[in-house]
Amino acid sequence: MDLLTTFPMAMSGLTFLILSKDKKSKKYRVAGIMMLLASYISFVTYFVYK
């Protein structure tokens, strides 16, 4: 993945975390954390392997 996909994935992760607080759903929270983690890994590997 490149930086073009990192930003939307991070924004989706934050949206899922916000939804998890509103709906008290653990599934939204897990999805948000996983998306933020994936975007962070993508961001770091972009600069490491550049």
N, C-alpha and C. Protein backbone atom coordinates (compact mmCIF):
# COMPACT_ATOMS: atom_id res chain seq x y z
N MET A 1 0.84 -1.18 0.00
CA MET A 1 0.00 0.00 0.00
C MET A 1 0.88 1.24 0.00
N ASP A 2 0.38 2.29 -0.52
CA ASP A 2 1.14 3.53 -0.52
C ASP A 2 0.40 4.57 0.32
N LEU A 3 0.93 5.77 0.31
CA LEU A 3 0.35 6.81 1.16
C LEU A 3 -1.04 7.24 0.71
N LEU A 4 -1.37 6.97 -0.54
CA LEU A 4 -2.70 7.35 -1.04
C LEU A 4 -3.80 6.57 -0.33
N THR A 5 -3.53 5.36 0.07
CA THR A 5 -4.54 4.56 0.77
C THR A 5 -4.43 4.67 2.29
N THR A 6 -3.33 5.19 2.78
CA THR A 6 -3.13 5.26 4.22
C THR A 6 -4.08 6.25 4.88
N PHE A 7 -4.22 7.43 4.30
CA PHE A 7 -5.06 8.46 4.92
C PHE A 7 -6.53 8.07 4.99
N PRO A 8 -7.15 7.58 3.90
CA PRO A 8 -8.57 7.17 4.02
C PRO A 8 -8.78 6.01 5.00
N MET A 9 -7.80 5.11 5.05
CA MET A 9 -7.93 3.99 5.99
C MET A 9 -7.87 4.49 7.43
N ALA A 10 -7.00 5.47 7.70
CA ALA A 10 -6.91 6.03 9.04
C ALA A 10 -8.19 6.78 9.40
N MET A 11 -8.76 7.51 8.45
CA MET A 11 -9.99 8.23 8.72
C MET A 11 -11.16 7.26 8.98
N SER A 12 -11.18 6.16 8.25
CA SER A 12 -12.22 5.15 8.49
C SER A 12 -12.05 4.52 9.86
N GLY A 13 -10.80 4.29 10.27
CA GLY A 13 -10.54 3.75 11.60
C GLY A 13 -11.02 4.68 12.70
N LEU A 14 -10.76 5.98 12.52
CA LEU A 14 -11.24 6.95 13.51
C LEU A 14 -12.76 7.01 13.54
N THR A 15 -13.38 6.90 12.38
CA THR A 15 -14.84 6.90 12.32
C THR A 15 -15.42 5.70 13.06
N PHE A 16 -14.81 4.52 12.86
CA PHE A 16 -15.28 3.33 13.58
C PHE A 16 -15.09 3.48 15.09
N LEU A 17 -14.00 4.12 15.51
CA LEU A 17 -13.80 4.34 16.95
C LEU A 17 -14.85 5.29 17.51
N ILE A 18 -15.20 6.32 16.76
CA ILE A 18 -16.24 7.25 17.21
C ILE A 18 -17.59 6.53 17.29
N LEU A 19 -17.88 5.69 16.28
CA LEU A 19 -19.14 4.94 16.30
C LEU A 19 -19.19 3.96 17.46
N SER A 20 -18.05 3.40 17.83
CA SER A 20 -18.05 2.43 18.92
C SER A 20 -18.41 3.10 20.24
N LYS A 21 -18.06 4.37 20.39
CA LYS A 21 -18.43 5.07 21.62
C LYS A 21 -19.93 5.37 21.64
N ASP A 22 -20.50 5.68 20.47
CA ASP A 22 -21.93 5.99 20.41
C ASP A 22 -22.79 4.76 20.59
N LYS A 23 -22.42 3.67 19.93
CA LYS A 23 -23.26 2.47 19.95
C LYS A 23 -22.84 1.44 20.98
N LYS A 24 -21.73 1.67 21.66
CA LYS A 24 -21.22 0.73 22.67
C LYS A 24 -21.00 -0.67 22.08
N SER A 25 -20.52 -0.71 20.85
CA SER A 25 -20.30 -1.98 20.17
C SER A 25 -18.81 -2.30 20.14
N LYS A 26 -18.47 -3.48 20.59
CA LYS A 26 -17.06 -3.88 20.62
C LYS A 26 -16.53 -4.16 19.22
N LYS A 27 -17.41 -4.58 18.30
CA LYS A 27 -16.98 -4.89 16.93
C LYS A 27 -16.49 -3.64 16.21
N TYR A 28 -17.18 -2.52 16.40
CA TYR A 28 -16.73 -1.27 15.79
C TYR A 28 -15.38 -0.84 16.35
N ARG A 29 -15.20 -1.04 17.64
CA ARG A 29 -13.94 -0.65 18.27
C ARG A 29 -12.78 -1.49 17.75
N VAL A 30 -12.98 -2.78 17.63
CA VAL A 30 -11.93 -3.67 17.11
C VAL A 30 -11.61 -3.31 15.66
N ALA A 31 -12.64 -3.05 14.86
CA ALA A 31 -12.43 -2.69 13.45
C ALA A 31 -11.66 -1.37 13.35
N GLY A 32 -11.99 -0.41 14.18
CA GLY A 32 -11.30 0.87 14.16
C GLY A 32 -9.84 0.74 14.55
N ILE A 33 -9.57 -0.04 15.57
CA ILE A 33 -8.18 -0.23 16.01
C ILE A 33 -7.37 -0.96 14.95
N MET A 34 -7.98 -1.96 14.32
CA MET A 34 -7.27 -2.70 13.28
C MET A 34 -6.98 -1.82 12.06
N MET A 35 -7.92 -0.97 11.69
CA MET A 35 -7.69 -0.07 10.55
C MET A 35 -6.63 0.96 10.86
N LEU A 36 -6.63 1.50 12.08
CA LEU A 36 -5.58 2.44 12.46
C LEU A 36 -4.22 1.76 12.51
N LEU A 37 -4.19 0.55 13.00
CA LEU A 37 -2.93 -0.20 13.04
C LEU A 37 -2.42 -0.49 11.63
N ALA A 38 -3.30 -0.88 10.74
CA ALA A 38 -2.90 -1.15 9.36
C ALA A 38 -2.41 0.11 8.66
N SER A 39 -3.06 1.24 8.91
CA SER A 39 -2.60 2.48 8.27
C SER A 39 -1.27 2.93 8.85
N TYR A 40 -1.05 2.71 10.14
CA TYR A 40 0.24 3.06 10.75
C TYR A 40 1.36 2.19 10.17
N ILE A 41 1.11 0.90 10.03
CA ILE A 41 2.11 0.00 9.46
C ILE A 41 2.40 0.38 8.02
N SER A 42 1.39 0.71 7.26
CA SER A 42 1.57 1.13 5.87
C SER A 42 2.39 2.41 5.79
N PHE A 43 2.12 3.35 6.68
CA PHE A 43 2.85 4.62 6.72
C PHE A 43 4.32 4.39 7.04
N VAL A 44 4.59 3.55 8.02
CA VAL A 44 5.98 3.30 8.43
C VAL A 44 6.73 2.53 7.35
N THR A 45 6.11 1.51 6.79
CA THR A 45 6.82 0.72 5.78
C THR A 45 7.06 1.51 4.50
N TYR A 46 6.24 2.51 4.22
CA TYR A 46 6.48 3.34 3.05
C TYR A 46 7.82 4.06 3.16
N PHE A 47 8.11 4.58 4.34
CA PHE A 47 9.37 5.31 4.51
C PHE A 47 10.56 4.40 4.77
N VAL A 48 10.32 3.22 5.32
CA VAL A 48 11.43 2.29 5.59
C VAL A 48 11.94 1.68 4.30
N TYR A 49 11.03 1.28 3.42
CA TYR A 49 11.43 0.58 2.19
C TYR A 49 11.51 1.50 0.98
N LYS A 50 11.47 2.80 1.21
CA LYS A 50 11.53 3.74 0.09
C LYS A 50 12.90 3.78 -0.53
